[in-house]
Protein backbone atom coordinates (compact mmCIF):
# COMPACT_ATOMS: atom_id res chain seq x y z
CA UNK A 1 -14.97 -3.25 -3.85
CA UNK A 2 -13.37 -6.41 -2.45
CA UNK A 3 -15.00 -9.58 -3.74
CA UNK A 4 -12.79 -12.30 -2.24
CA UNK A 5 -13.36 -11.41 1.39
CA UNK A 6 -12.53 -14.96 2.53
CA UNK A 7 -8.83 -14.08 2.24
CA UNK A 8 -8.77 -10.64 3.86
CA UNK A 9 -9.24 -10.00 7.56
CA UNK A 10 -9.85 -6.67 9.27
CA UNK A 11 -9.25 -6.53 13.02
CA UNK A 12 -9.39 -3.52 15.33
CA UNK A 13 -8.07 -2.58 18.73
CA UNK A 14 -10.03 -0.43 21.16
CA UNK A 15 -8.62 2.98 20.22
CA UNK A 16 -10.95 3.89 17.33
CA UNK A 17 -13.64 1.28 16.76
CA UNK A 18 -16.07 3.69 15.00
CA UNK A 19 -13.51 4.41 12.25
CA UNK A 20 -12.63 0.70 11.95
CA UNK A 21 -16.30 -0.18 11.51
CA UNK A 22 -16.71 2.50 8.83
CA UNK A 23 -13.67 1.16 6.96
CA UNK A 24 -15.05 -2.38 7.12
CA UNK A 25 -18.41 -1.17 5.80
CA UNK A 26 -16.70 0.58 2.87
CA UNK A 27 -14.99 -2.69 2.03
CA UNK A 28 -18.25 -4.68 2.25
CA UNK A 29 -16.91 -6.81 5.06
CA UNK A 30 -16.99 -6.85 8.86
CA UNK A 31 -14.40 -6.70 11.61
CA UNK A 32 -12.89 -10.03 12.60
CA UNK A 33 -13.50 -11.81 15.88
CA UNK A 34 -10.79 -10.52 18.19
CA UNK A 35 -11.14 -9.90 21.92
CA UNK A 36 -8.84 -7.20 23.27
CA UNK A 37 -9.15 -6.71 27.01
CA UNK A 38 -7.07 -6.47 30.18
CA UNK A 39 -6.09 -8.87 32.93
CA UNK A 40 -6.83 -7.82 36.50
CA UNK A 41 -3.31 -6.42 36.89
CA UNK A 42 -3.66 -4.20 33.81
CA UNK A 43 -1.76 -6.35 31.32
CA UNK A 44 -3.25 -6.44 27.82
CA UNK A 45 -5.00 -9.63 26.77
CA UNK A 46 -5.64 -10.53 23.12
CA UNK A 47 -7.53 -13.52 21.77
CA UNK A 48 -8.19 -14.03 18.06
CA UNK A 49 -11.42 -15.99 17.74
CA UNK A 50 -11.17 -17.14 14.12
CA UNK A 51 -8.59 -18.60 11.79
CA UNK A 52 -6.17 -16.20 10.13
CA UNK A 53 -3.79 -18.81 8.70
CA UNK A 54 -2.37 -17.57 5.39
CA UNK A 55 -4.70 -14.56 5.36
CA UNK A 56 -3.96 -10.93 4.53
CA UNK A 57 -4.56 -9.22 7.88
CA UNK A 58 -5.11 -5.50 8.54
CA UNK A 59 -5.08 -4.33 12.16
CA UNK A 60 -6.68 -0.88 12.64
CA UNK A 61 -5.42 0.93 15.72
CA UNK A 62 -4.55 4.57 16.41
CA UNK A 63 -1.83 5.00 19.00
CA UNK A 64 -3.63 7.92 20.64
CA UNK A 65 -4.32 8.44 24.35
CA UNK A 66 -3.87 6.30 26.34
CA UNK A 67 -0.87 6.02 24.03
CA UNK A 68 1.04 3.24 25.76
CA UNK A 69 -2.03 1.04 26.23
CA UNK A 70 -3.05 1.41 22.59
CA UNK A 71 0.48 0.80 21.36
CA UNK A 72 0.76 -2.38 23.43
CA UNK A 73 -2.61 -3.56 22.10
CA UNK A 74 -1.34 -3.14 18.56
CA UNK A 75 1.97 -4.91 19.21
CA UNK A 76 0.31 -7.84 20.96
CA UNK A 77 -2.33 -8.17 18.22
CA UNK A 78 0.44 -8.32 15.60
CA UNK A 79 2.29 -10.94 17.66
CA UNK A 80 -0.88 -13.01 18.13
CA UNK A 81 -1.51 -12.95 14.38
CA UNK A 82 2.06 -13.96 13.61
CA UNK A 83 1.83 -16.91 16.00
CA UNK A 84 -1.43 -17.92 14.29
CA UNK A 85 0.44 -18.26 10.95
CA UNK A 86 -1.01 -15.19 9.27
CA UNK A 87 0.11 -14.57 5.69
CA UNK A 88 0.81 -10.84 5.91
CA UNK A 89 0.13 -8.20 8.57
CA UNK A 90 -0.47 -4.52 7.81
CA UNK A 91 -0.66 -2.15 10.78
CA UNK A 92 -3.23 0.53 9.92
CA UNK A 93 -2.36 3.40 12.27
CA UNK A 94 -4.55 6.45 11.45
CA UNK A 95 -2.74 8.46 14.14
CA UNK A 96 0.89 7.53 14.80
CA UNK A 97 1.76 8.38 18.40
CA UNK A 98 5.27 9.45 19.47
CA UNK A 99 5.76 11.02 16.02
CA UNK A 100 6.87 14.32 17.58
CA UNK A 101 9.92 12.63 19.12
CA UNK A 102 11.61 12.20 15.74
CA UNK A 103 15.03 13.70 16.52
CA UNK A 104 17.31 14.66 19.39
CA UNK A 105 16.18 18.17 20.24
CA UNK A 106 18.56 18.21 23.21
CA UNK A 107 21.50 16.11 24.34
CA UNK A 108 20.53 12.77 25.89
CA UNK A 109 17.00 12.87 24.38
CA UNK A 110 15.52 9.65 22.94
CA UNK A 111 14.28 9.28 19.37
CA UNK A 112 11.09 7.51 20.36
CA UNK A 113 9.56 7.47 16.88
CA UNK A 114 12.43 5.23 15.75
CA UNK A 115 11.95 2.99 18.79
CA UNK A 116 8.23 2.56 17.98
CA UNK A 117 9.12 1.77 14.36
CA UNK A 118 11.51 -0.95 15.58
CA UNK A 119 8.89 -2.35 17.95
CA UNK A 120 6.29 -2.63 15.18
CA UNK A 121 8.76 -4.35 12.89
CA UNK A 122 9.98 -6.72 15.60
CA UNK A 123 6.40 -7.61 16.53
CA UNK A 124 5.93 -8.80 12.95
CA UNK A 125 4.27 -6.04 10.93
CA UNK A 126 4.95 -6.36 7.19
CA UNK A 127 3.65 -2.91 6.28
CA UNK A 128 2.33 0.27 7.89
CA UNK A 129 -0.53 2.46 6.70
CA UNK A 130 -0.78 5.80 8.46
CA UNK A 131 -1.85 9.39 7.80
CA UNK A 132 -0.10 12.76 8.00
CA UNK A 133 2.95 11.82 10.04
CA UNK A 134 4.09 14.80 12.08
CA UNK A 135 7.50 14.36 10.46
CA UNK A 136 7.47 12.62 7.08
CA UNK A 137 11.04 11.38 7.52
CA UNK A 138 9.71 8.86 10.05
CA UNK A 139 8.96 6.69 7.02
CA UNK A 140 12.71 6.16 6.82
CA UNK A 141 12.81 4.82 10.38
CA UNK A 142 11.14 1.62 9.15
CA UNK A 143 12.72 -1.27 7.25
CA UNK A 144 9.28 -2.20 5.92
CA UNK A 145 7.03 -0.28 3.47
CA UNK A 146 5.18 2.71 4.94
CA UNK A 147 2.31 4.50 3.21
CA UNK A 148 1.77 7.96 4.67
CA UNK A 149 -1.69 8.92 3.44
CA UNK A 150 -2.76 12.55 3.09
CA UNK A 151 -5.61 14.07 5.04
CA UNK A 152 -5.30 17.44 3.29
CA UNK A 153 -7.57 16.68 0.31
CA UNK A 154 -10.49 15.77 2.59
CA UNK A 155 -10.04 19.03 4.48
CA UNK A 156 -9.58 21.41 1.56
CA UNK A 157 -12.45 19.83 -0.38
CA UNK A 158 -14.68 20.79 2.55
CA UNK A 159 -13.56 24.43 2.34
CA UNK A 160 -13.49 24.65 -1.48
CA UNK A 161 -16.91 26.28 -1.81
CA UNK A 162 -16.06 28.90 0.84
CA UNK A 163 -13.15 30.38 -1.13
CA UNK A 164 -13.43 33.92 -2.48
CA UNK A 165 -11.00 36.77 -3.13
CA UNK A 166 -10.76 37.52 0.60
CA UNK A 167 -9.96 33.93 1.61
CA UNK A 168 -6.43 33.14 2.86
CA UNK A 169 -4.72 30.00 4.10
CA UNK A 170 -2.54 30.52 7.18
CA UNK A 171 0.37 28.44 8.39
CA UNK A 172 0.40 28.63 12.24
CA UNK A 173 4.19 28.17 12.29
CA UNK A 174 7.15 27.73 9.97
CA UNK A 175 6.98 23.94 10.26
CA UNK A 176 3.52 23.85 8.66
CA UNK A 177 4.39 26.05 5.68
CA UNK A 178 4.65 23.14 3.23
CA UNK A 179 1.27 21.77 4.28
CA UNK A 180 -0.40 25.20 4.12
CA UNK A 181 1.15 25.93 0.73
CA UNK A 182 -0.34 22.74 -0.74
CA UNK A 183 -3.79 23.67 0.57
CA UNK A 184 -3.47 27.24 -0.75
CA UNK A 185 -2.44 25.93 -4.18
CA UNK A 186 -5.37 23.52 -4.34
CA UNK A 187 -7.83 26.21 -3.23
CA UNK A 188 -6.28 28.83 -5.51
CA UNK A 189 -5.84 31.44 -2.78
CA UNK A 190 -3.05 33.35 -1.07
CA UNK A 191 -1.34 32.33 2.16
CA UNK A 192 0.36 33.93 5.14
CA UNK A 193 2.70 32.62 7.84
CA UNK A 194 2.64 33.17 11.58
CA UNK A 195 6.20 33.50 12.83
CA UNK A 196 6.56 32.29 16.39
CA UNK A 197 9.05 31.07 18.92
CA UNK A 198 8.47 28.40 21.53
CA UNK A 199 10.36 29.01 24.83
CA UNK A 200 9.52 25.49 26.05
CA UNK A 201 7.28 22.55 25.17
CA UNK A 202 3.59 23.41 24.69
CA UNK A 203 4.25 27.13 25.22
CA UNK A 204 4.07 29.38 22.17
CA UNK A 205 4.70 33.09 21.72
CA UNK A 206 3.59 34.79 18.50
CA UNK A 207 6.11 37.16 17.01
CA UNK A 208 4.62 38.51 13.80
CA UNK A 209 2.54 37.64 10.74
CA UNK A 210 4.22 37.39 7.34
CA UNK A 211 1.50 38.61 4.99
CA UNK A 212 -1.40 41.08 5.07
CA UNK A 213 -4.52 39.55 6.65
CA UNK A 214 -6.49 42.75 7.24
CA UNK A 215 -10.11 42.23 6.18
CA UNK A 216 -9.43 38.59 5.23
CA UNK A 217 -11.19 35.30 5.99
CA UNK A 218 -8.45 33.08 7.35
CA UNK A 219 -8.08 29.30 7.45
CA UNK A 220 -5.43 27.99 9.84
CA UNK A 221 -4.00 24.64 8.67
CA UNK A 222 -2.07 22.23 10.90
CA UNK A 223 -1.46 18.49 11.12
CA UNK A 224 -2.58 18.17 14.75
CA UNK A 225 -4.02 20.16 17.62
CA UNK A 226 -2.77 19.03 21.02
CA UNK A 227 -3.06 21.62 23.80
CA UNK A 228 -4.35 24.13 21.19
CA UNK A 229 -1.87 26.80 22.27
CA UNK A 230 -0.41 27.24 18.78
CA UNK A 231 -3.71 27.41 16.95
CA UNK A 232 -5.50 29.63 19.50
CA UNK A 233 -2.70 32.16 19.89
CA UNK A 234 -2.33 32.18 16.13
CA UNK A 235 -6.05 32.89 15.73
CA UNK A 236 -5.83 35.76 18.22
CA UNK A 237 -2.83 37.19 16.39
CA UNK A 238 -4.83 37.13 13.14
CA UNK A 239 -7.75 38.96 14.77
CA UNK A 240 -5.36 41.54 16.21
CA UNK A 241 -3.95 42.02 12.70
CA UNK A 242 -7.41 42.75 11.28
CA UNK A 243 -8.74 39.37 10.07
CA UNK A 244 -12.54 39.28 10.02
CA UNK A 245 -13.19 35.53 10.13
CA UNK A 246 -11.10 32.65 11.52
CA UNK A 247 -11.52 28.98 10.67
CA UNK A 248 -9.12 26.16 11.46
CA UNK A 249 -8.55 22.58 10.38
CA UNK A 250 -6.28 19.70 11.30
CA UNK A 251 -5.90 15.98 10.67
CA UNK A 252 -5.39 14.75 14.24
CA UNK A 253 -7.56 16.00 17.12
CA UNK A 254 -5.31 15.14 20.08
CA UNK A 255 -6.96 17.79 22.30
CA UNK A 256 -5.17 17.23 25.60
CA UNK A 257 -4.92 19.34 28.73
CA UNK A 258 -6.50 22.80 28.40
CA UNK A 259 -7.30 22.40 24.68
CA UNK A 260 -11.11 22.41 24.93
CA UNK A 261 -11.26 25.47 27.17
CA UNK A 262 -8.84 27.35 24.94
CA UNK A 263 -10.75 26.47 21.77
CA UNK A 264 -14.11 27.35 23.27
CA UNK A 265 -12.87 30.79 24.29
CA UNK A 266 -10.92 31.41 21.08
CA UNK A 267 -11.92 33.59 18.10
CA UNK A 268 -12.06 30.47 15.89
CA UNK A 269 -15.53 30.27 14.29
CA UNK A 270 -15.26 26.72 12.96
CA UNK A 271 -12.82 23.88 13.60
CA UNK A 272 -12.78 20.97 11.14
CA UNK A 273 -10.91 17.77 12.03
CA UNK A 274 -10.59 14.22 10.75
CA UNK A 275 -11.57 11.08 12.66
CA UNK A 276 -8.10 9.53 12.99
CA UNK A 277 -8.60 9.88 16.76
CA UNK A 278 -11.92 9.00 18.33
CA UNK A 279 -13.39 11.98 20.16
CA UNK A 280 -15.91 11.23 22.92
CA UNK A 281 -19.10 13.36 22.95
CA UNK A 282 -17.90 15.35 25.96
CA UNK A 283 -14.95 16.64 23.90
CA UNK A 284 -17.14 17.93 21.08
CA UNK A 285 -17.81 21.67 20.95
CA UNK A 286 -20.56 23.27 18.80
CA UNK A 287 -17.89 24.87 16.58
CA UNK A 288 -16.29 21.47 15.80
CA UNK A 289 -16.95 19.30 12.76
CA UNK A 290 -15.51 15.81 12.16
CA UNK A 291 -14.89 14.46 8.64
CA UNK A 292 -14.23 10.76 8.10
CA UNK A 293 -11.12 9.18 6.62
CA UNK A 294 -12.83 5.82 6.06
CA UNK A 295 -12.91 6.25 2.25
CA UNK A 296 -9.16 6.90 2.06
CA UNK A 297 -8.16 4.05 4.35
CA UNK A 298 -10.56 1.63 2.67
CA UNK A 299 -9.11 2.47 -0.76
CA UNK A 300 -5.55 2.10 0.57
CA UNK A 301 -6.32 -1.25 2.21
CA UNK A 302 -7.89 -2.52 -1.00
CA UNK A 303 -4.86 -1.43 -3.04
CA UNK A 304 -2.44 -3.11 -0.63
CA UNK A 305 -4.55 -6.27 -0.63
CA UNK A 306 -4.77 -6.40 -4.43
CA UNK A 307 -1.15 -5.19 -4.93
CA UNK A 308 -2.36 -2.17 -6.88
CA UNK A 309 -0.47 1.16 -7.04
CA UNK A 310 -1.16 3.79 -4.37
CA UNK A 311 -0.43 6.78 -6.61
CA UNK A 312 -4.09 7.49 -7.40
CA UNK A 313 -4.86 7.87 -3.71
CA UNK A 314 -2.07 10.41 -3.29
CA UNK A 315 -3.16 12.29 -6.41
């Protein structure tokens, strides 16, 4: 791994310290001395406690809940590094918040993903490392390089030994078809699609299932689970259509609002997620399993640092 650690610096905000520490361990280094706290009025305070002049700096921070606090932490850390004459700043954002606001769904709506991209660039980020953007075109919102790493391989490698002739990959909606197809191809199994319509935000109504799931073991694949309405209603639709076993996986465990109650009472037997968002113990259910992304992010950071190609990571 990295041998000239005197030139690289890894810093972390407060959003996902366990993942940041795992990444640092994979790189045979430790997190830099950076105090991120709040003033009495709630404003974010950042103090970098060591020199970063001319260094290659990586700031690890998911912009998960509380989204605005974590985003401000990241922006202020980038600004502090810039003012300390850092050589290059890479924002490592395992979960990129506001990614669902990537277009004008209605008149007079904002495109907040573009705004966040502008804020990161203006703050002084030279590059962004993230994983499974909700909309891949967000990469084009930036005028700096963006590496959108893939969480799929970690997930489908976990399920590889469970595949048999009755195993099927399920896309919970039309928007996830591409992701589900890749998983089905890698696992060498068939797939089906749940056709749905959404009357309003966070409300989903299942229409029908495209494909025969009777007697099948089904794996629902999505990029994130927020209120869990999509995944839970999809799982129930599969059971109603004759599926005998339901598993689910996602990259980002947002799990807001009624998500935990819905998942606990759902027919999902096992839910596998990645650690792009830190889940406190009280949000963990017995049916949940967390896989780490530290290996992927460590390899990507090393490649950026050494100016090596990223293609092997994507392959």
